Protein backbone atom coordinates (compact mmCIF):
# COMPACT_ATOMS: atom_id res chain seq x y z
CA UNK A 1 0.00 0.00 0.00
CA UNK A 2 1.44 3.34 -1.03
CA UNK A 3 0.57 5.84 1.65
CA UNK A 4 2.23 8.75 -0.12
CA UNK A 5 0.18 8.11 -3.27
CA UNK A 6 -3.05 8.02 -1.29
CA UNK A 7 -2.13 11.17 0.60
CA UNK A 8 -1.36 12.99 -2.64
CA UNK A 9 -4.64 11.85 -4.17
CA UNK A 10 -6.57 12.96 -1.10
CA UNK A 11 -4.82 16.34 -1.24
CA UNK A 12 -5.81 16.88 -4.88
CA UNK A 13 -9.39 15.83 -4.13
CA UNK A 14 -9.52 18.31 -1.25
CA UNK A 15 -8.20 21.12 -3.44
CA UNK A 16 -10.68 20.27 -6.20
CA UNK A 17 -13.54 20.34 -3.70
CA UNK A 18 -12.46 23.71 -2.33
CA UNK A 19 -12.11 25.20 -5.79
CA UNK A 20 -15.50 23.94 -6.94
CA UNK A 21 -17.37 25.59 -4.06
CA UNK A 22 -18.45 29.08 -5.05
CA UNK A 23 -20.11 31.31 -2.54
CA UNK A 24 -23.60 32.16 -3.68
CA UNK A 25 -24.88 35.67 -3.42
CA UNK A 26 -28.22 36.34 -1.79
CA UNK A 27 -29.71 37.47 -5.07
CA UNK A 28 -28.57 34.30 -6.84
CA UNK A 29 -30.06 32.05 -4.16
CA UNK A 30 -33.27 34.05 -4.20
CA UNK A 31 -33.54 33.82 -7.97
CA UNK A 32 -32.85 30.08 -7.93
CA UNK A 33 -35.49 29.50 -5.26
CA UNK A 34 -37.95 31.70 -7.11
CA UNK A 35 -37.40 29.75 -10.33
CA UNK A 36 -37.78 26.46 -8.48
CA UNK A 37 -41.02 27.59 -6.88
CA UNK A 38 -42.34 28.93 -10.19
CA UNK A 39 -41.54 25.63 -11.95
CA UNK A 40 -43.30 23.67 -9.19
CA UNK A 41 -46.44 25.79 -9.48
CA UNK A 42 -46.44 25.42 -13.26
CA UNK A 43 -46.11 21.66 -12.84
CA UNK A 44 -49.10 21.54 -10.49
CA UNK A 45 -51.09 23.67 -12.92
CA UNK A 46 -50.21 21.32 -15.78
CA UNK A 47 -51.26 18.26 -13.77
CA UNK A 48 -54.58 19.89 -12.88
CA UNK A 49 -55.18 20.82 -16.51
CA UNK A 50 -54.46 17.28 -17.69
CA UNK A 51 -56.77 15.89 -15.03
CA UNK A 52 -59.56 18.24 -16.03
CA UNK A 53 -59.06 17.44 -19.72
CA UNK A 54 -59.23 13.69 -19.08
CA UNK A 55 -62.36 14.09 -16.96
CA UNK A 56 -64.04 16.16 -19.67
CA UNK A 57 -63.13 13.67 -22.36
CA UNK A 58 -64.42 10.79 -20.22
CA UNK A 59 -67.68 12.65 -19.52
CA UNK A 60 -68.16 13.24 -23.23
CA UNK A 61 -67.85 9.52 -23.93
CA UNK A 62 -64.32 9.32 -25.34
CA UNK A 63 -63.61 5.57 -25.43
CA UNK A 64 -59.84 6.08 -25.34
CA UNK A 65 -60.08 7.43 -21.77
CA UNK A 66 -60.88 4.98 -19.00
CA UNK A 67 -62.21 5.75 -15.55
CA UNK A 68 -58.95 4.53 -14.02
CA UNK A 69 -57.00 7.06 -16.13
CA UNK A 70 -59.23 9.84 -14.86
CA UNK A 71 -58.92 8.74 -11.22
CA UNK A 72 -55.13 8.40 -11.43
CA UNK A 73 -54.79 11.85 -13.01
CA UNK A 74 -57.05 13.38 -10.36
CA UNK A 75 -55.09 11.78 -7.54
CA UNK A 76 -51.78 12.94 -9.02
CA UNK A 77 -53.03 16.51 -9.28
CA UNK A 78 -54.50 16.33 -5.78
CA UNK A 79 -51.24 15.11 -4.24
CA UNK A 80 -49.24 17.76 -6.11
CA UNK A 81 -51.62 20.49 -4.96
CA UNK A 82 -51.53 19.32 -1.34
CA UNK A 83 -47.72 19.29 -1.42
CA UNK A 84 -47.76 22.85 -2.76
CA UNK A 85 -50.11 23.95 0.02
CA UNK A 86 -47.83 22.36 2.63
CA UNK A 87 -44.80 24.17 1.20
CA UNK A 88 -46.74 27.43 1.34
CA UNK A 89 -47.72 26.75 4.96
CA UNK A 90 -44.09 26.07 5.90
CA UNK A 91 -42.98 29.27 4.18
CA UNK A 92 -45.60 31.31 6.04
CA UNK A 93 -44.57 29.67 9.32
CA UNK A 94 -40.88 30.43 8.66
CA UNK A 95 -41.75 34.04 7.78
CA UNK A 96 -43.70 34.45 11.03
CA UNK A 97 -40.79 33.02 13.01
CA UNK A 98 -38.40 35.45 11.35
CA UNK A 99 -40.70 38.38 12.06
CA UNK A 100 -40.96 37.40 15.74
CA UNK A 101 -37.18 37.19 16.23
CA UNK A 102 -35.72 39.90 18.43
CA UNK A 103 -33.27 42.20 16.71
PDB file of N, CA and C in Angstrom:
ATOM      1  N   UNK A   1       0.847  -1.179   0.000  1.00  0.00           N
ATOM      2  CA  UNK A   1       0.000   0.000   0.000  1.00  0.00           C
ATOM      3  C   UNK A   1       0.888   1.236   0.000  1.00  0.00           C
ATOM      4  N   UNK A   2       0.647   2.126  -0.919  1.00  0.00           N
ATOM      5  CA  UNK A   2       1.438   3.341  -1.030  1.00  0.00           C
ATOM      6  C   UNK A   2       0.705   4.472  -0.327  1.00  0.00           C
ATOM      7  N   UNK A   3       1.209   4.813   0.847  1.00  0.00           N
ATOM      8  CA  UNK A   3       0.570   5.843   1.651  1.00  0.00           C
ATOM      9  C   UNK A   3       0.775   7.215   1.025  1.00  0.00           C
ATOM     10  N   UNK A   4       1.955   7.446   0.480  1.00  0.00           N
ATOM     11  CA  UNK A   4       2.229   8.755  -0.125  1.00  0.00           C
ATOM     12  C   UNK A   4       1.319   9.006  -1.326  1.00  0.00           C
ATOM     13  N   UNK A   5       1.065   7.975  -2.114  1.00  0.00           N
ATOM     14  CA  UNK A   5       0.185   8.115  -3.273  1.00  0.00           C
ATOM     15  C   UNK A   5      -1.241   8.434  -2.857  1.00  0.00           C
ATOM     16  N   UNK A   6      -1.698   7.752  -1.798  1.00  0.00           N
ATOM     17  CA  UNK A   6      -3.049   8.021  -1.293  1.00  0.00           C
ATOM     18  C   UNK A   6      -3.159   9.421  -0.711  1.00  0.00           C
ATOM     19  N   UNK A   7      -2.114   9.830   0.014  1.00  0.00           N
ATOM     20  CA  UNK A   7      -2.132  11.167   0.604  1.00  0.00           C
ATOM     21  C   UNK A   7      -2.155  12.239  -0.485  1.00  0.00           C
ATOM     22  N   UNK A   8      -1.387  12.025  -1.536  1.00  0.00           N
ATOM     23  CA  UNK A   8      -1.364  12.994  -2.636  1.00  0.00           C
ATOM     24  C   UNK A   8      -2.718  13.042  -3.340  1.00  0.00           C
ATOM     25  N   UNK A   9      -3.326  11.886  -3.529  1.00  0.00           N
ATOM     26  CA  UNK A   9      -4.640  11.845  -4.173  1.00  0.00           C
ATOM     27  C   UNK A   9      -5.696  12.533  -3.313  1.00  0.00           C
ATOM     28  N   UNK A  10      -5.634  12.304  -2.004  1.00  0.00           N
ATOM     29  CA  UNK A  10      -6.575  12.965  -1.100  1.00  0.00           C
ATOM     30  C   UNK A  10      -6.378  14.480  -1.116  1.00  0.00           C
ATOM     31  N   UNK A  11      -5.116  14.904  -1.198  1.00  0.00           N
ATOM     32  CA  UNK A  11      -4.824  16.338  -1.242  1.00  0.00           C
ATOM     33  C   UNK A  11      -5.409  16.976  -2.502  1.00  0.00           C
ATOM     34  N   UNK A  12      -5.259  16.317  -3.638  1.00  0.00           N
ATOM     35  CA  UNK A  12      -5.809  16.876  -4.879  1.00  0.00           C
ATOM     36  C   UNK A  12      -7.334  16.887  -4.845  1.00  0.00           C
ATOM     37  N   UNK A  13      -7.935  15.856  -4.247  1.00  0.00           N
ATOM     38  CA  UNK A  13      -9.394  15.832  -4.126  1.00  0.00           C
ATOM     39  C   UNK A  13      -9.882  16.972  -3.235  1.00  0.00           C
ATOM     40  N   UNK A  14      -9.150  17.237  -2.158  1.00  0.00           N
ATOM     41  CA  UNK A  14      -9.524  18.311  -1.247  1.00  0.00           C
ATOM     42  C   UNK A  14      -9.427  19.662  -1.950  1.00  0.00           C
ATOM     43  N   UNK A  15      -8.366  19.861  -2.709  1.00  0.00           N
ATOM     44  CA  UNK A  15      -8.198  21.118  -3.439  1.00  0.00           C
ATOM     45  C   UNK A  15      -9.278  21.291  -4.505  1.00  0.00           C
ATOM     46  N   UNK A  16      -9.615  20.203  -5.197  1.00  0.00           N
ATOM     47  CA  UNK A  16     -10.682  20.270  -6.199  1.00  0.00           C
ATOM     48  C   UNK A  16     -12.015  20.637  -5.560  1.00  0.00           C
ATOM     49  N   UNK A  17     -12.284  20.053  -4.395  1.00  0.00           N
ATOM     50  CA  UNK A  17     -13.542  20.337  -3.702  1.00  0.00           C
ATOM     51  C   UNK A  17     -13.595  21.792  -3.251  1.00  0.00           C
ATOM     52  N   UNK A  18     -12.478  22.313  -2.768  1.00  0.00           N
ATOM     53  CA  UNK A  18     -12.455  23.705  -2.326  1.00  0.00           C
ATOM     54  C   UNK A  18     -12.620  24.664  -3.497  1.00  0.00           C
ATOM     55  N   UNK A  19     -12.023  24.327  -4.623  1.00  0.00           N
ATOM     56  CA  UNK A  19     -12.109  25.203  -5.790  1.00  0.00           C
ATOM     57  C   UNK A  19     -13.484  25.164  -6.440  1.00  0.00           C
ATOM     58  N   UNK A  20     -14.189  24.048  -6.295  1.00  0.00           N
ATOM     59  CA  UNK A  20     -15.500  23.938  -6.938  1.00  0.00           C
ATOM     60  C   UNK A  20     -16.604  24.633  -6.153  1.00  0.00           C
ATOM     61  N   UNK A  21     -16.365  24.918  -4.881  1.00  0.00           N
ATOM     62  CA  UNK A  21     -17.371  25.586  -4.055  1.00  0.00           C
ATOM     63  C   UNK A  21     -17.287  27.083  -4.308  1.00  0.00           C
ATOM     64  N   UNK A  22     -18.379  27.643  -4.796  1.00  0.00           N
ATOM     65  CA  UNK A  22     -18.445  29.078  -5.053  1.00  0.00           C
ATOM     66  C   UNK A  22     -19.483  29.669  -4.114  1.00  0.00           C
ATOM     67  N   UNK A  23     -19.108  30.703  -3.415  1.00  0.00           N
ATOM     68  CA  UNK A  23     -20.112  31.306  -2.539  1.00  0.00           C
ATOM     69  C   UNK A  23     -21.229  31.926  -3.365  1.00  0.00           C
ATOM     70  N   UNK A  24     -22.435  31.635  -2.974  1.00  0.00           N
ATOM     71  CA  UNK A  24     -23.604  32.156  -3.685  1.00  0.00           C
ATOM     72  C   UNK A  24     -24.008  33.489  -3.075  1.00  0.00           C
ATOM     73  N   UNK A  25     -24.391  34.390  -3.916  1.00  0.00           N
ATOM     74  CA  UNK A  25     -24.884  35.667  -3.417  1.00  0.00           C
ATOM     75  C   UNK A  25     -26.344  35.502  -3.023  1.00  0.00           C
ATOM     76  N   UNK A  26     -26.827  36.409  -2.214  1.00  0.00           N
ATOM     77  CA  UNK A  26     -28.222  36.342  -1.788  1.00  0.00           C
ATOM     78  C   UNK A  26     -29.186  36.462  -2.944  1.00  0.00           C
ATOM     79  N   UNK A  27     -28.837  37.302  -3.914  1.00  0.00           N
ATOM     80  CA  UNK A  27     -29.709  37.468  -5.069  1.00  0.00           C
ATOM     81  C   UNK A  27     -29.756  36.205  -5.910  1.00  0.00           C
ATOM     82  N   UNK A  28     -28.601  35.524  -6.039  1.00  0.00           N
ATOM     83  CA  UNK A  28     -28.567  34.296  -6.839  1.00  0.00           C
ATOM     84  C   UNK A  28     -29.418  33.211  -6.187  1.00  0.00           C
ATOM     85  N   UNK A  29     -29.281  33.054  -4.875  1.00  0.00           N
ATOM     86  CA  UNK A  29     -30.064  32.046  -4.162  1.00  0.00           C
ATOM     87  C   UNK A  29     -31.545  32.371  -4.256  1.00  0.00           C
ATOM     88  N   UNK A  30     -31.877  33.638  -4.114  1.00  0.00           N
ATOM     89  CA  UNK A  30     -33.273  34.054  -4.197  1.00  0.00           C
ATOM     90  C   UNK A  30     -33.851  33.775  -5.578  1.00  0.00           C
ATOM     91  N   UNK A  31     -33.067  34.069  -6.608  1.00  0.00           N
ATOM     92  CA  UNK A  31     -33.537  33.822  -7.973  1.00  0.00           C
ATOM     93  C   UNK A  31     -33.705  32.329  -8.227  1.00  0.00           C
ATOM     94  N   UNK A  32     -32.746  31.522  -7.748  1.00  0.00           N
ATOM     95  CA  UNK A  32     -32.846  30.077  -7.931  1.00  0.00           C
ATOM     96  C   UNK A  32     -34.077  29.522  -7.226  1.00  0.00           C
ATOM     97  N   UNK A  33     -34.330  29.977  -5.999  1.00  0.00           N
ATOM     98  CA  UNK A  33     -35.491  29.505  -5.259  1.00  0.00           C
ATOM     99  C   UNK A  33     -36.775  29.963  -5.936  1.00  0.00           C
ATOM    100  N   UNK A  34     -36.773  31.186  -6.412  1.00  0.00           N
ATOM    101  CA  UNK A  34     -37.947  31.700  -7.114  1.00  0.00           C
ATOM    102  C   UNK A  34     -38.248  30.904  -8.370  1.00  0.00           C
ATOM    103  N   UNK A  35     -37.207  30.559  -9.124  1.00  0.00           N
ATOM    104  CA  UNK A  35     -37.396  29.747 -10.333  1.00  0.00           C
ATOM    105  C   UNK A  35     -37.907  28.359  -9.984  1.00  0.00           C
ATOM    106  N   UNK A  36     -37.356  27.783  -8.916  1.00  0.00           N
ATOM    107  CA  UNK A  36     -37.783  26.457  -8.481  1.00  0.00           C
ATOM    108  C   UNK A  36     -39.252  26.471  -8.077  1.00  0.00           C
ATOM    109  N   UNK A  37     -39.635  27.472  -7.325  1.00  0.00           N
ATOM    110  CA  UNK A  37     -41.025  27.587  -6.883  1.00  0.00           C
ATOM    111  C   UNK A  37     -41.957  27.823  -8.072  1.00  0.00           C
ATOM    112  N   UNK A  38     -41.536  28.657  -9.000  1.00  0.00           N
ATOM    113  CA  UNK A  38     -42.335  28.927 -10.191  1.00  0.00           C
ATOM    114  C   UNK A  38     -42.518  27.657 -11.023  1.00  0.00           C
ATOM    115  N   UNK A  39     -41.451  26.887 -11.190  1.00  0.00           N
ATOM    116  CA  UNK A  39     -41.544  25.633 -11.947  1.00  0.00           C
ATOM    117  C   UNK A  39     -42.482  24.641 -11.266  1.00  0.00           C
ATOM    118  N   UNK A  40     -42.434  24.589  -9.929  1.00  0.00           N
ATOM    119  CA  UNK A  40     -43.303  23.671  -9.193  1.00  0.00           C
ATOM    120  C   UNK A  40     -44.770  24.056  -9.366  1.00  0.00           C
ATOM    121  N   UNK A  41     -45.054  25.340  -9.313  1.00  0.00           N
ATOM    122  CA  UNK A  41     -46.439  25.793  -9.476  1.00  0.00           C
ATOM    123  C   UNK A  41     -46.927  25.514 -10.891  1.00  0.00           C
ATOM    124  N   UNK A  42     -46.063  25.729 -11.876  1.00  0.00           N
ATOM    125  CA  UNK A  42     -46.440  25.417 -13.261  1.00  0.00           C
ATOM    126  C   UNK A  42     -46.705  23.926 -13.434  1.00  0.00           C
ATOM    127  N   UNK A  43     -45.918  23.104 -12.763  1.00  0.00           N
ATOM    128  CA  UNK A  43     -46.106  21.655 -12.841  1.00  0.00           C
ATOM    129  C   UNK A  43     -47.453  21.250 -12.251  1.00  0.00           C
ATOM    130  N   UNK A  44     -47.803  21.827 -11.105  1.00  0.00           N
ATOM    131  CA  UNK A  44     -49.101  21.539 -10.487  1.00  0.00           C
ATOM    132  C   UNK A  44     -50.227  21.994 -11.407  1.00  0.00           C
ATOM    133  N   UNK A  45     -50.073  23.156 -11.999  1.00  0.00           N
ATOM    134  CA  UNK A  45     -51.089  23.667 -12.918  1.00  0.00           C
ATOM    135  C   UNK A  45     -51.254  22.743 -14.123  1.00  0.00           C
ATOM    136  N   UNK A  46     -50.152  22.242 -14.651  1.00  0.00           N
ATOM    137  CA  UNK A  46     -50.207  21.317 -15.784  1.00  0.00           C
ATOM    138  C   UNK A  46     -50.925  20.028 -15.401  1.00  0.00           C
ATOM    139  N   UNK A  47     -50.602  19.490 -14.221  1.00  0.00           N
ATOM    140  CA  UNK A  47     -51.264  18.261 -13.773  1.00  0.00           C
ATOM    141  C   UNK A  47     -52.765  18.470 -13.603  1.00  0.00           C
ATOM    142  N   UNK A  48     -53.154  19.617 -13.057  1.00  0.00           N
ATOM    143  CA  UNK A  48     -54.578  19.887 -12.883  1.00  0.00           C
ATOM    144  C   UNK A  48     -55.279  20.053 -14.228  1.00  0.00           C
ATOM    145  N   UNK A  49     -54.606  20.672 -15.175  1.00  0.00           N
ATOM    146  CA  UNK A  49     -55.180  20.824 -16.512  1.00  0.00           C
ATOM    147  C   UNK A  49     -55.361  19.489 -17.209  1.00  0.00           C
ATOM    148  N   UNK A  50     -54.360  18.609 -17.084  1.00  0.00           N
ATOM    149  CA  UNK A  50     -54.463  17.279 -17.686  1.00  0.00           C
ATOM    150  C   UNK A  50     -55.592  16.485 -17.048  1.00  0.00           C
ATOM    151  N   UNK A  51     -55.709  16.591 -15.737  1.00  0.00           N
ATOM    152  CA  UNK A  51     -56.773  15.887 -15.027  1.00  0.00           C
ATOM    153  C   UNK A  51     -58.146  16.376 -15.483  1.00  0.00           C
ATOM    154  N   UNK A  52     -58.291  17.669 -15.585  1.00  0.00           N
ATOM    155  CA  UNK A  52     -59.561  18.242 -16.033  1.00  0.00           C
ATOM    156  C   UNK A  52     -59.881  17.830 -17.467  1.00  0.00           C
ATOM    157  N   UNK A  53     -58.867  17.834 -18.319  1.00  0.00           N
ATOM    158  CA  UNK A  53     -59.058  17.441 -19.718  1.00  0.00           C
ATOM    159  C   UNK A  53     -59.499  15.982 -19.820  1.00  0.00           C
ATOM    160  N   UNK A  54     -58.844  15.103 -19.054  1.00  0.00           N
ATOM    161  CA  UNK A  54     -59.230  13.687 -19.080  1.00  0.00           C
ATOM    162  C   UNK A  54     -60.655  13.497 -18.576  1.00  0.00           C
ATOM    163  N   UNK A  55     -61.003  14.210 -17.502  1.00  0.00           N
ATOM    164  CA  UNK A  55     -62.358  14.086 -16.956  1.00  0.00           C
ATOM    165  C   UNK A  55     -63.397  14.561 -17.970  1.00  0.00           C
ATOM    166  N   UNK A  56     -63.116  15.649 -18.652  1.00  0.00           N
ATOM    167  CA  UNK A  56     -64.044  16.164 -19.665  1.00  0.00           C
ATOM    168  C   UNK A  56     -64.196  15.175 -20.812  1.00  0.00           C
ATOM    169  N   UNK A  57     -63.078  14.639 -21.266  1.00  0.00           N
ATOM    170  CA  UNK A  57     -63.134  13.668 -22.363  1.00  0.00           C
ATOM    171  C   UNK A  57     -63.903  12.415 -21.951  1.00  0.00           C
ATOM    172  N   UNK A  58     -63.700  11.972 -20.706  1.00  0.00           N
ATOM    173  CA  UNK A  58     -64.422  10.791 -20.218  1.00  0.00           C
ATOM    174  C   UNK A  58     -65.918  11.080 -20.137  1.00  0.00           C
ATOM    175  N   UNK A  59     -66.270  12.266 -19.624  1.00  0.00           N
ATOM    176  CA  UNK A  59     -67.684  12.649 -19.516  1.00  0.00           C
ATOM    177  C   UNK A  59     -68.365  12.741 -20.880  1.00  0.00           C
ATOM    178  N   UNK A  60     -67.604  13.112 -21.886  1.00  0.00           N
ATOM    179  CA  UNK A  60     -68.164  13.241 -23.230  1.00  0.00           C
ATOM    180  C   UNK A  60     -68.205  11.913 -23.976  1.00  0.00           C
ATOM    181  N   UNK A  61     -67.743  10.845 -23.341  1.00  0.00           N
ATOM    182  CA  UNK A  61     -67.852   9.519 -23.932  1.00  0.00           C
ATOM    183  C   UNK A  61     -66.669   9.087 -24.774  1.00  0.00           C
ATOM    184  N   UNK A  62     -65.518   9.718 -24.601  1.00  0.00           N
ATOM    185  CA  UNK A  62     -64.323   9.318 -25.345  1.00  0.00           C
ATOM    186  C   UNK A  62     -63.900   7.921 -24.884  1.00  0.00           C
ATOM    187  N   UNK A  63     -63.911   6.964 -25.779  1.00  0.00           N
ATOM    188  CA  UNK A  63     -63.613   5.569 -25.428  1.00  0.00           C
ATOM    189  C   UNK A  63     -62.120   5.329 -25.172  1.00  0.00           C
ATOM    190  N   UNK A  64     -61.272   6.265 -25.573  1.00  0.00           N
ATOM    191  CA  UNK A  64     -59.836   6.084 -25.344  1.00  0.00           C
ATOM    192  C   UNK A  64     -59.429   6.455 -23.919  1.00  0.00           C
ATOM    193  N   UNK A  65     -60.359   7.034 -23.152  1.00  0.00           N
ATOM    194  CA  UNK A  65     -60.082   7.430 -21.773  1.00  0.00           C
ATOM    195  C   UNK A  65     -60.886   6.540 -20.840  1.00  0.00           C
ATOM    196  N   UNK A  66     -60.184   5.852 -19.952  1.00  0.00           N
ATOM    197  CA  UNK A  66     -60.882   4.981 -18.999  1.00  0.00           C
ATOM    198  C   UNK A  66     -61.071   5.711 -17.670  1.00  0.00           C
ATOM    199  N   UNK A  67     -61.958   5.171 -16.862  1.00  0.00           N
ATOM    200  CA  UNK A  67     -62.210   5.753 -15.550  1.00  0.00           C
ATOM    201  C   UNK A  67     -60.954   5.705 -14.686  1.00  0.00           C
ATOM    202  N   UNK A  68     -60.182   4.630 -14.815  1.00  0.00           N
ATOM    203  CA  UNK A  68     -58.952   4.529 -14.021  1.00  0.00           C
ATOM    204  C   UNK A  68     -57.952   5.615 -14.410  1.00  0.00           C
ATOM    205  N   UNK A  69     -57.880   5.965 -15.697  1.00  0.00           N
ATOM    206  CA  UNK A  69     -56.996   7.055 -16.132  1.00  0.00           C
ATOM    207  C   UNK A  69     -57.410   8.375 -15.487  1.00  0.00           C
ATOM    208  N   UNK A  70     -58.710   8.607 -15.447  1.00  0.00           N
ATOM    209  CA  UNK A  70     -59.227   9.843 -14.856  1.00  0.00           C
ATOM    210  C   UNK A  70     -58.919   9.887 -13.364  1.00  0.00           C
ATOM    211  N   UNK A  71     -59.153   8.781 -12.668  1.00  0.00           N
ATOM    212  CA  UNK A  71     -58.916   8.744 -11.225  1.00  0.00           C
ATOM    213  C   UNK A  71     -57.433   8.905 -10.896  1.00  0.00           C
ATOM    214  N   UNK A  72     -56.574   8.273 -11.664  1.00  0.00           N
ATOM    215  CA  UNK A  72     -55.130   8.399 -11.430  1.00  0.00           C
ATOM    216  C   UNK A  72     -54.682   9.837 -11.658  1.00  0.00           C
ATOM    217  N   UNK A  73     -55.159  10.456 -12.728  1.00  0.00           N
ATOM    218  CA  UNK A  73     -54.792  11.847 -13.013  1.00  0.00           C
ATOM    219  C   UNK A  73     -55.296  12.779 -11.912  1.00  0.00           C
ATOM    220  N   UNK A  74     -56.511  12.538 -11.438  1.00  0.00           N
ATOM    221  CA  UNK A  74     -57.053  13.381 -10.360  1.00  0.00           C
ATOM    222  C   UNK A  74     -56.253  13.223  -9.077  1.00  0.00           C
ATOM    223  N   UNK A  75     -55.876  11.992  -8.748  1.00  0.00           N
ATOM    224  CA  UNK A  75     -55.090  11.775  -7.538  1.00  0.00           C
ATOM    225  C   UNK A  75     -53.705  12.399  -7.651  1.00  0.00           C
ATOM    226  N   UNK A  76     -53.089  12.305  -8.828  1.00  0.00           N
ATOM    227  CA  UNK A  76     -51.779  12.938  -9.022  1.00  0.00           C
ATOM    228  C   UNK A  76     -51.879  14.444  -8.821  1.00  0.00           C
ATOM    229  N   UNK A  77     -52.888  15.055  -9.413  1.00  0.00           N
ATOM    230  CA  UNK A  77     -53.026  16.507  -9.278  1.00  0.00           C
ATOM    231  C   UNK A  77     -53.371  16.889  -7.842  1.00  0.00           C
ATOM    232  N   UNK A  78     -54.147  16.060  -7.168  1.00  0.00           N
ATOM    233  CA  UNK A  78     -54.499  16.332  -5.779  1.00  0.00           C
ATOM    234  C   UNK A  78     -53.274  16.266  -4.870  1.00  0.00           C
ATOM    235  N   UNK A  79     -52.453  15.248  -5.057  1.00  0.00           N
ATOM    236  CA  UNK A  79     -51.239  15.110  -4.244  1.00  0.00           C
ATOM    237  C   UNK A  79     -50.285  16.273  -4.510  1.00  0.00           C
ATOM    238  N   UNK A  80     -50.127  16.645  -5.763  1.00  0.00           N
ATOM    239  CA  UNK A  80     -49.244  17.760  -6.106  1.00  0.00           C
ATOM    240  C   UNK A  80     -49.745  19.062  -5.493  1.00  0.00           C
ATOM    241  N   UNK A  81     -51.055  19.273  -5.532  1.00  0.00           N
ATOM    242  CA  UNK A  81     -51.621  20.490  -4.962  1.00  0.00           C
ATOM    243  C   UNK A  81     -51.453  20.514  -3.447  1.00  0.00           C
ATOM    244  N   UNK A  82     -51.699  19.393  -2.790  1.00  0.00           N
ATOM    245  CA  UNK A  82     -51.533  19.322  -1.336  1.00  0.00           C
ATOM    246  C   UNK A  82     -50.083  19.575  -0.936  1.00  0.00           C
ATOM    247  N   UNK A  83     -49.142  19.048  -1.705  1.00  0.00           N
ATOM    248  CA  UNK A  83     -47.724  19.293  -1.419  1.00  0.00           C
ATOM    249  C   UNK A  83     -47.404  20.777  -1.560  1.00  0.00           C
ATOM    250  N   UNK A  84     -47.975  21.415  -2.561  1.00  0.00           N
ATOM    251  CA  UNK A  84     -47.755  22.848  -2.758  1.00  0.00           C
ATOM    252  C   UNK A  84     -48.333  23.648  -1.597  1.00  0.00           C
ATOM    253  N   UNK A  85     -49.497  23.262  -1.125  1.00  0.00           N
ATOM    254  CA  UNK A  85     -50.108  23.946   0.017  1.00  0.00           C
ATOM    255  C   UNK A  85     -49.242  23.772   1.262  1.00  0.00           C
ATOM    256  N   UNK A  86     -48.691  22.588   1.467  1.00  0.00           N
ATOM    257  CA  UNK A  86     -47.830  22.359   2.626  1.00  0.00           C
ATOM    258  C   UNK A  86     -46.555  23.197   2.551  1.00  0.00           C
ATOM    259  N   UNK A  87     -45.986  23.319   1.359  1.00  0.00           N
ATOM    260  CA  UNK A  87     -44.799  24.168   1.195  1.00  0.00           C
ATOM    261  C   UNK A  87     -45.152  25.615   1.521  1.00  0.00           C
ATOM    262  N   UNK A  88     -46.300  26.065   1.036  1.00  0.00           N
ATOM    263  CA  UNK A  88     -46.739  27.427   1.337  1.00  0.00           C
ATOM    264  C   UNK A  88     -46.910  27.624   2.837  1.00  0.00           C
ATOM    265  N   UNK A  89     -47.521  26.650   3.518  1.00  0.00           N
ATOM    266  CA  UNK A  89     -47.720  26.751   4.960  1.00  0.00           C
ATOM    267  C   UNK A  89     -46.392  26.834   5.698  1.00  0.00           C
ATOM    268  N   UNK A  90     -45.413  26.037   5.267  1.00  0.00           N
ATOM    269  CA  UNK A  90     -44.089  26.071   5.899  1.00  0.00           C
ATOM    270  C   UNK A  90     -43.410  27.416   5.659  1.00  0.00           C
ATOM    271  N   UNK A  91     -43.582  27.970   4.473  1.00  0.00           N
ATOM    272  CA  UNK A  91     -42.980  29.273   4.183  1.00  0.00           C
ATOM    273  C   UNK A  91     -43.615  30.365   5.039  1.00  0.00           C
ATOM    274  N   UNK A  92     -44.914  30.324   5.202  1.00  0.00           N
ATOM    275  CA  UNK A  92     -45.599  31.307   6.044  1.00  0.00           C
ATOM    276  C   UNK A  92     -45.152  31.153   7.490  1.00  0.00           C
ATOM    277  N   UNK A  93     -45.025  29.924   7.952  1.00  0.00           N
ATOM    278  CA  UNK A  93     -44.572  29.674   9.316  1.00  0.00           C
ATOM    279  C   UNK A  93     -43.149  30.195   9.518  1.00  0.00           C
ATOM    280  N   UNK A  94     -42.263  29.945   8.559  1.00  0.00           N
ATOM    281  CA  UNK A  94     -40.885  30.430   8.663  1.00  0.00           C
ATOM    282  C   UNK A  94     -40.848  31.956   8.652  1.00  0.00           C
ATOM    283  N   UNK A  95     -41.680  32.576   7.831  1.00  0.00           N
ATOM    284  CA  UNK A  95     -41.747  34.038   7.782  1.00  0.00           C
ATOM    285  C   UNK A  95     -42.200  34.598   9.129  1.00  0.00           C
ATOM    286  N   UNK A  96     -43.214  33.982   9.724  1.00  0.00           N
ATOM    287  CA  UNK A  96     -43.699  34.449  11.026  1.00  0.00           C
ATOM    288  C   UNK A  96     -42.626  34.311  12.095  1.00  0.00           C
ATOM    289  N   UNK A  97     -41.876  33.205  12.048  1.00  0.00           N
ATOM    290  CA  UNK A  97     -40.794  33.020  13.015  1.00  0.00           C
ATOM    291  C   UNK A  97     -39.719  34.086  12.835  1.00  0.00           C
ATOM    292  N   UNK A  98     -39.393  34.405  11.597  1.00  0.00           N
ATOM    293  CA  UNK A  98     -38.399  35.454  11.348  1.00  0.00           C
ATOM    294  C   UNK A  98     -38.887  36.808  11.839  1.00  0.00           C
ATOM    295  N   UNK A  99     -40.153  37.088  11.634  1.00  0.00           N
ATOM    296  CA  UNK A  99     -40.698  38.375  12.059  1.00  0.00           C
ATOM    297  C   UNK A  99     -40.757  38.495  13.579  1.00  0.00           C
ATOM    298  N   UNK A 100     -40.873  37.376  14.285  1.00  0.00           N
ATOM    299  CA  UNK A 100     -40.958  37.402  15.742  1.00  0.00           C
ATOM    300  C   UNK A 100     -39.597  37.355  16.419  1.00  0.00           C
ATOM    301  N   UNK A 101     -38.520  37.229  15.640  1.00  0.00           N
ATOM    302  CA  UNK A 101     -37.180  37.191  16.232  1.00  0.00           C
ATOM    303  C   UNK A 101     -36.799  38.573  16.749  1.00  0.00           C
ATOM    304  N   UNK A 102     -36.190  38.597  17.935  1.00  0.00           N
ATOM    305  CA  UNK A 102     -35.723  39.898  18.432  1.00  0.00           C
ATOM    306  C   UNK A 102     -34.491  40.353  17.652  1.00  0.00           C
ATOM    307  N   UNK A 103     -34.393  41.654  17.483  1.00  0.00           N
ATOM    308  CA  UNK A 103     -33.270  42.205  16.714  1.00  0.00           C
ATOM    309  C   UNK A 103     -32.119  42.530  17.610  1.00  0.00           C
TER     310      UNK A 103
END
